[in-house]
Amino acid sequence: MASAKIGDVIVFKREGKNLEGEVSAIRENSVLVQYGYSKDKGEPLITVVNHKNYKIKSK
């Protein structure tokens, strides 16, 4: 199981696409990830990813 830290860039899948995002918070079973900005509202796109469902991107 991966164990990302705040600020790490991770790779995860959403709707069949590989996405990258930066970890902004860590929970017991998941991380909160910012992976872009909404084109319409200019707000950050944030999602929750289970620890089993991501890989830390190598630097």
PDB file of N, CA and C in Angstrom:
ATOM      1  N   MET A   1       0.841  -1.177   0.000  1.00  0.00           N
ATOM      2  CA  MET A   1       0.000   0.000   0.000  1.00  0.00           C
ATOM      3  C   MET A   1       0.888   1.244   0.000  1.00  0.00           C
ATOM      4  N   ALA A   2       0.565   2.176  -0.880  1.00  0.00           N
ATOM      5  CA  ALA A   2       1.312   3.436  -0.955  1.00  0.00           C
ATOM      6  C   ALA A   2       0.970   4.306   0.251  1.00  0.00           C
ATOM      7  N   SER A   3       1.915   5.133   0.642  1.00  0.00           N
ATOM      8  CA  SER A   3       1.655   6.046   1.745  1.00  0.00           C
ATOM      9  C   SER A   3       2.224   7.416   1.383  1.00  0.00           C
ATOM     10  N   ALA A   4       1.415   8.212   0.714  1.00  0.00           N
ATOM     11  CA  ALA A   4       1.834   9.530   0.253  1.00  0.00           C
ATOM     12  C   ALA A   4       1.873  10.513   1.417  1.00  0.00           C
ATOM     13  N   LYS A   5       2.652  11.560   1.207  1.00  0.00           N
ATOM     14  CA  LYS A   5       2.733  12.645   2.174  1.00  0.00           C
ATOM     15  C   LYS A   5       2.137  13.897   1.527  1.00  0.00           C
ATOM     16  N   ILE A   6       1.753  14.869   2.338  1.00  0.00           N
ATOM     17  CA  ILE A   6       1.220  16.124   1.808  1.00  0.00           C
ATOM     18  C   ILE A   6       2.265  16.741   0.889  1.00  0.00           C
ATOM     19  N   GLY A   7       1.815  17.137  -0.300  1.00  0.00           N
ATOM     20  CA  GLY A   7       2.705  17.732  -1.298  1.00  0.00           C
ATOM     21  C   GLY A   7       3.200  16.748  -2.333  1.00  0.00           C
ATOM     22  N   ASP A   8       3.072  15.434  -2.072  1.00  0.00           N
ATOM     23  CA  ASP A   8       3.484  14.433  -3.059  1.00  0.00           C
ATOM     24  C   ASP A   8       2.565  14.484  -4.279  1.00  0.00           C
ATOM     25  N   VAL A   9       3.124  14.192  -5.437  1.00  0.00           N
ATOM     26  CA  VAL A   9       2.334  14.062  -6.660  1.00  0.00           C
ATOM     27  C   VAL A   9       2.045  12.586  -6.849  1.00  0.00           C
ATOM     28  N   ILE A  10       0.758  12.264  -7.049  1.00  0.00           N
ATOM     29  CA  ILE A  10       0.351  10.873  -7.234  1.00  0.00           C
ATOM     30  C   ILE A  10      -0.331  10.700  -8.585  1.00  0.00           C
ATOM     31  N   VAL A  11      -0.389   9.457  -9.038  1.00  0.00           N
ATOM     32  CA  VAL A  11      -1.081   9.090 -10.265  1.00  0.00           C
ATOM     33  C   VAL A  11      -2.229   8.174  -9.872  1.00  0.00           C
ATOM     34  N   PHE A  12      -3.445   8.466 -10.412  1.00  0.00           N
ATOM     35  CA  PHE A  12      -4.630   7.671 -10.100  1.00  0.00           C
ATOM     36  C   PHE A  12      -5.555   7.665 -11.312  1.00  0.00           C
ATOM     37  N   LYS A  13      -6.545   6.787 -11.306  1.00  0.00           N
ATOM     38  CA  LYS A  13      -7.485   6.681 -12.427  1.00  0.00           C
ATOM     39  C   LYS A  13      -8.841   7.257 -12.050  1.00  0.00           C
ATOM     40  N   ARG A  14      -9.435   8.001 -12.984  1.00  0.00           N
ATOM     41  CA  ARG A  14     -10.793   8.504 -12.859  1.00  0.00           C
ATOM     42  C   ARG A  14     -11.435   8.409 -14.236  1.00  0.00           C
ATOM     43  N   GLU A  15     -12.591   7.773 -14.313  1.00  0.00           N
ATOM     44  CA  GLU A  15     -13.341   7.637 -15.561  1.00  0.00           C
ATOM     45  C   GLU A  15     -12.471   7.107 -16.696  1.00  0.00           C
ATOM     46  N   GLY A  16     -11.609   6.131 -16.384  1.00  0.00           N
ATOM     47  CA  GLY A  16     -10.777   5.492 -17.382  1.00  0.00           C
ATOM     48  C   GLY A  16      -9.547   6.278 -17.794  1.00  0.00           C
ATOM     49  N   LYS A  17      -9.303   7.428 -17.165  1.00  0.00           N
ATOM     50  CA  LYS A  17      -8.147   8.254 -17.510  1.00  0.00           C
ATOM     51  C   LYS A  17      -7.145   8.245 -16.371  1.00  0.00           C
ATOM     52  N   ASN A  18      -5.862   8.233 -16.708  1.00  0.00           N
ATOM     53  CA  ASN A  18      -4.812   8.393 -15.702  1.00  0.00           C
ATOM     54  C   ASN A  18      -4.646   9.881 -15.422  1.00  0.00           C
ATOM     55  N   LEU A  19      -4.747  10.258 -14.172  1.00  0.00           N
ATOM     56  CA  LEU A  19      -4.615  11.653 -13.765  1.00  0.00           C
ATOM     57  C   LEU A  19      -3.499  11.800 -12.749  1.00  0.00           C
ATOM     58  N   GLU A  20      -2.950  12.992 -12.668  1.00  0.00           N
ATOM     59  CA  GLU A  20      -1.948  13.317 -11.659  1.00  0.00           C
ATOM     60  C   GLU A  20      -2.500  14.434 -10.791  1.00  0.00           C
ATOM     61  N   GLY A  21      -2.139  14.395  -9.524  1.00  0.00           N
ATOM     62  CA  GLY A  21      -2.564  15.456  -8.629  1.00  0.00           C
ATOM     63  C   GLY A  21      -1.667  15.532  -7.420  1.00  0.00           C
ATOM     64  N   GLU A  22      -1.807  16.628  -6.685  1.00  0.00           N
ATOM     65  CA  GLU A  22      -0.996  16.860  -5.495  1.00  0.00           C
ATOM     66  C   GLU A  22      -1.817  16.567  -4.243  1.00  0.00           C
ATOM     67  N   VAL A  23      -1.239  15.801  -3.330  1.00  0.00           N
ATOM     68  CA  VAL A  23      -1.909  15.433  -2.085  1.00  0.00           C
ATOM     69  C   VAL A  23      -2.027  16.669  -1.194  1.00  0.00           C
ATOM     70  N   SER A  24      -3.256  16.966  -0.751  1.00  0.00           N
ATOM     71  CA  SER A  24      -3.475  18.136   0.103  1.00  0.00           C
ATOM     72  C   SER A  24      -3.876  17.754   1.522  1.00  0.00           C
ATOM     73  N   ALA A  25      -4.320  16.514   1.728  1.00  0.00           N
ATOM     74  CA  ALA A  25      -4.667  16.046   3.071  1.00  0.00           C
ATOM     75  C   ALA A  25      -4.614  14.522   3.091  1.00  0.00           C
ATOM     76  N   ILE A  26      -4.344  13.987   4.267  1.00  0.00           N
ATOM     77  CA  ILE A  26      -4.236  12.533   4.424  1.00  0.00           C
ATOM     78  C   ILE A  26      -5.245  12.080   5.464  1.00  0.00           C
ATOM     79  N   ARG A  27      -5.961  11.027   5.140  1.00  0.00           N
ATOM     80  CA  ARG A  27      -6.915  10.413   6.056  1.00  0.00           C
ATOM     81  C   ARG A  27      -6.474   8.974   6.314  1.00  0.00           C
ATOM     82  N   GLU A  28      -7.177   8.283   7.186  1.00  0.00           N
ATOM     83  CA  GLU A  28      -6.793   6.915   7.544  1.00  0.00           C
ATOM     84  C   GLU A  28      -6.771   5.992   6.332  1.00  0.00           C
ATOM     85  N   ASN A  29      -7.803   6.064   5.485  1.00  0.00           N
ATOM     86  CA  ASN A  29      -7.923   5.153   4.352  1.00  0.00           C
ATOM     87  C   ASN A  29      -7.779   5.819   2.995  1.00  0.00           C
ATOM     88  N   SER A  30      -7.547   7.131   2.965  1.00  0.00           N
ATOM     89  CA  SER A  30      -7.529   7.841   1.689  1.00  0.00           C
ATOM     90  C   SER A  30      -6.737   9.138   1.777  1.00  0.00           C
ATOM     91  N   VAL A  31      -6.586   9.777   0.616  1.00  0.00           N
ATOM     92  CA  VAL A  31      -5.956  11.093   0.542  1.00  0.00           C
ATOM     93  C   VAL A  31      -6.874  12.020  -0.248  1.00  0.00           C
ATOM     94  N   LEU A  32      -6.826  13.311   0.048  1.00  0.00           N
ATOM     95  CA  LEU A  32      -7.500  14.322  -0.742  1.00  0.00           C
ATOM     96  C   LEU A  32      -6.489  14.867  -1.728  1.00  0.00           C
ATOM     97  N   VAL A  33      -6.914  14.962  -2.997  1.00  0.00           N
ATOM     98  CA  VAL A  33      -5.991  15.322  -4.069  1.00  0.00           C
ATOM     99  C   VAL A  33      -6.562  16.464  -4.897  1.00  0.00           C
ATOM    100  N   GLN A  34      -5.739  17.483  -5.141  1.00  0.00           N
ATOM    101  CA  GLN A  34      -6.095  18.543  -6.079  1.00  0.00           C
ATOM    102  C   GLN A  34      -5.456  18.192  -7.404  1.00  0.00           C
ATOM    103  N   TYR A  35      -6.280  18.080  -8.447  1.00  0.00           N
ATOM    104  CA  TYR A  35      -5.755  17.614  -9.728  1.00  0.00           C
ATOM    105  C   TYR A  35      -6.033  18.553 -10.893  1.00  0.00           C
ATOM    106  N   GLY A  36      -6.356  19.793 -10.610  1.00  0.00           N
ATOM    107  CA  GLY A  36      -6.579  20.765 -11.681  1.00  0.00           C
ATOM    108  C   GLY A  36      -7.534  21.845 -11.230  1.00  0.00           C
ATOM    109  N   TYR A  37      -8.012  22.625 -12.223  1.00  0.00           N
ATOM    110  CA  TYR A  37      -8.963  23.701 -11.950  1.00  0.00           C
ATOM    111  C   TYR A  37     -10.146  23.592 -12.901  1.00  0.00           C
ATOM    112  N   SER A  38     -11.313  23.953 -12.406  1.00  0.00           N
ATOM    113  CA  SER A  38     -12.519  23.977 -13.222  1.00  0.00           C
ATOM    114  C   SER A  38     -12.404  25.099 -14.252  1.00  0.00           C
ATOM    115  N   LYS A  39     -12.658  24.789 -15.501  1.00  0.00           N
ATOM    116  CA  LYS A  39     -12.593  25.812 -16.555  1.00  0.00           C
ATOM    117  C   LYS A  39     -13.714  26.843 -16.389  1.00  0.00           C
ATOM    118  N   ASP A  40     -14.865  26.392 -15.919  1.00  0.00           N
ATOM    119  CA  ASP A  40     -16.017  27.284 -15.796  1.00  0.00           C
ATOM    120  C   ASP A  40     -15.903  28.230 -14.608  1.00  0.00           C
ATOM    121  N   LYS A  41     -15.555  27.710 -13.463  1.00  0.00           N
ATOM    122  CA  LYS A  41     -15.584  28.488 -12.229  1.00  0.00           C
ATOM    123  C   LYS A  41     -14.205  28.885 -11.722  1.00  0.00           C
ATOM    124  N   GLY A  42     -13.149  28.293 -12.250  1.00  0.00           N
ATOM    125  CA  GLY A  42     -11.802  28.602 -11.793  1.00  0.00           C
ATOM    126  C   GLY A  42     -11.499  28.066 -10.405  1.00  0.00           C
ATOM    127  N   GLU A  43     -12.315  27.130  -9.931  1.00  0.00           N
ATOM    128  CA  GLU A  43     -12.121  26.526  -8.617  1.00  0.00           C
ATOM    129  C   GLU A  43     -11.281  25.258  -8.750  1.00  0.00           C
ATOM    130  N   PRO A  44     -10.539  24.906  -7.700  1.00  0.00           N
ATOM    131  CA  PRO A  44      -9.730  23.680  -7.783  1.00  0.00           C
ATOM    132  C   PRO A  44     -10.608  22.433  -7.869  1.00  0.00           C
ATOM    133  N   LEU A  45     -10.140  21.451  -8.632  1.00  0.00           N
ATOM    134  CA  LEU A  45     -10.800  20.149  -8.702  1.00  0.00           C
ATOM    135  C   LEU A  45     -10.162  19.271  -7.640  1.00  0.00           C
ATOM    136  N   ILE A  46     -10.976  18.780  -6.719  1.00  0.00           N
ATOM    137  CA  ILE A  46     -10.482  17.983  -5.595  1.00  0.00           C
ATOM    138  C   ILE A  46     -11.244  16.670  -5.559  1.00  0.00           C
ATOM    139  N   THR A  47     -10.545  15.590  -5.269  1.00  0.00           N
ATOM    140  CA  THR A  47     -11.174  14.280  -5.151  1.00  0.00           C
ATOM    141  C   THR A  47     -10.526  13.503  -4.017  1.00  0.00           C
ATOM    142  N   VAL A  48     -11.191  12.433  -3.622  1.00  0.00           N
ATOM    143  CA  VAL A  48     -10.680  11.532  -2.590  1.00  0.00           C
ATOM    144  C   VAL A  48     -10.227  10.250  -3.280  1.00  0.00           C
ATOM    145  N   VAL A  49      -9.026   9.784  -2.937  1.00  0.00           N
ATOM    146  CA  VAL A  49      -8.480   8.563  -3.538  1.00  0.00           C
ATOM    147  C   VAL A  49      -8.048   7.621  -2.424  1.00  0.00           C
ATOM    148  N   ASN A  50      -8.547   6.395  -2.467  1.00  0.00           N
ATOM    149  CA  ASN A  50      -8.166   5.380  -1.499  1.00  0.00           C
ATOM    150  C   ASN A  50      -6.681   5.064  -1.630  1.00  0.00           C
ATOM    151  N   HIS A  51      -6.036   4.753  -0.514  1.00  0.00           N
ATOM    152  CA  HIS A  51      -4.605   4.441  -0.530  1.00  0.00           C
ATOM    153  C   HIS A  51      -4.272   3.294  -1.491  1.00  0.00           C
ATOM    154  N   LYS A  52      -5.206   2.381  -1.724  1.00  0.00           N
ATOM    155  CA  LYS A  52      -4.969   1.241  -2.608  1.00  0.00           C
ATOM    156  C   LYS A  52      -4.985   1.640  -4.083  1.00  0.00           C
ATOM    157  N   ASN A  53      -5.512   2.841  -4.390  1.00  0.00           N
ATOM    158  CA  ASN A  53      -5.797   3.199  -5.775  1.00  0.00           C
ATOM    159  C   ASN A  53      -4.916   4.291  -6.356  1.00  0.00           C
ATOM    160  N   TYR A  54      -3.736   4.477  -5.825  1.00  0.00           N
ATOM    161  CA  TYR A  54      -2.814   5.444  -6.405  1.00  0.00           C
ATOM    162  C   TYR A  54      -1.376   4.964  -6.284  1.00  0.00           C
ATOM    163  N   LYS A  55      -0.522   5.611  -7.077  1.00  0.00           N
ATOM    164  CA  LYS A  55       0.925   5.375  -6.984  1.00  0.00           C
ATOM    165  C   LYS A  55       1.593   6.734  -6.884  1.00  0.00           C
ATOM    166  N   ILE A  56       2.630   6.804  -6.083  1.00  0.00           N
ATOM    167  CA  ILE A  56       3.385   8.039  -5.947  1.00  0.00           C
ATOM    168  C   ILE A  56       4.250   8.181  -7.194  1.00  0.00           C
ATOM    169  N   LYS A  57       4.168   9.347  -7.820  1.00  0.00           N
ATOM    170  CA  LYS A  57       4.950   9.585  -9.041  1.00  0.00           C
ATOM    171  C   LYS A  57       6.412   9.741  -8.654  1.00  0.00           C
ATOM    172  N   SER A  58       7.274   9.052  -9.381  1.00  0.00           N
ATOM    173  CA  SER A  58       8.704   9.155  -9.094  1.00  0.00           C
ATOM    174  C   SER A  58       9.210  10.522  -9.522  1.00  0.00           C
ATOM    175  N   LYS A  59      10.182  11.019  -8.775  1.00  0.00           N
ATOM    176  CA  LYS A  59      10.668  12.375  -9.024  1.00  0.00           C
ATOM    177  C   LYS A  59      11.764  12.384 -10.054  1.00  0.00           C
TER     178      LYS A  59
END
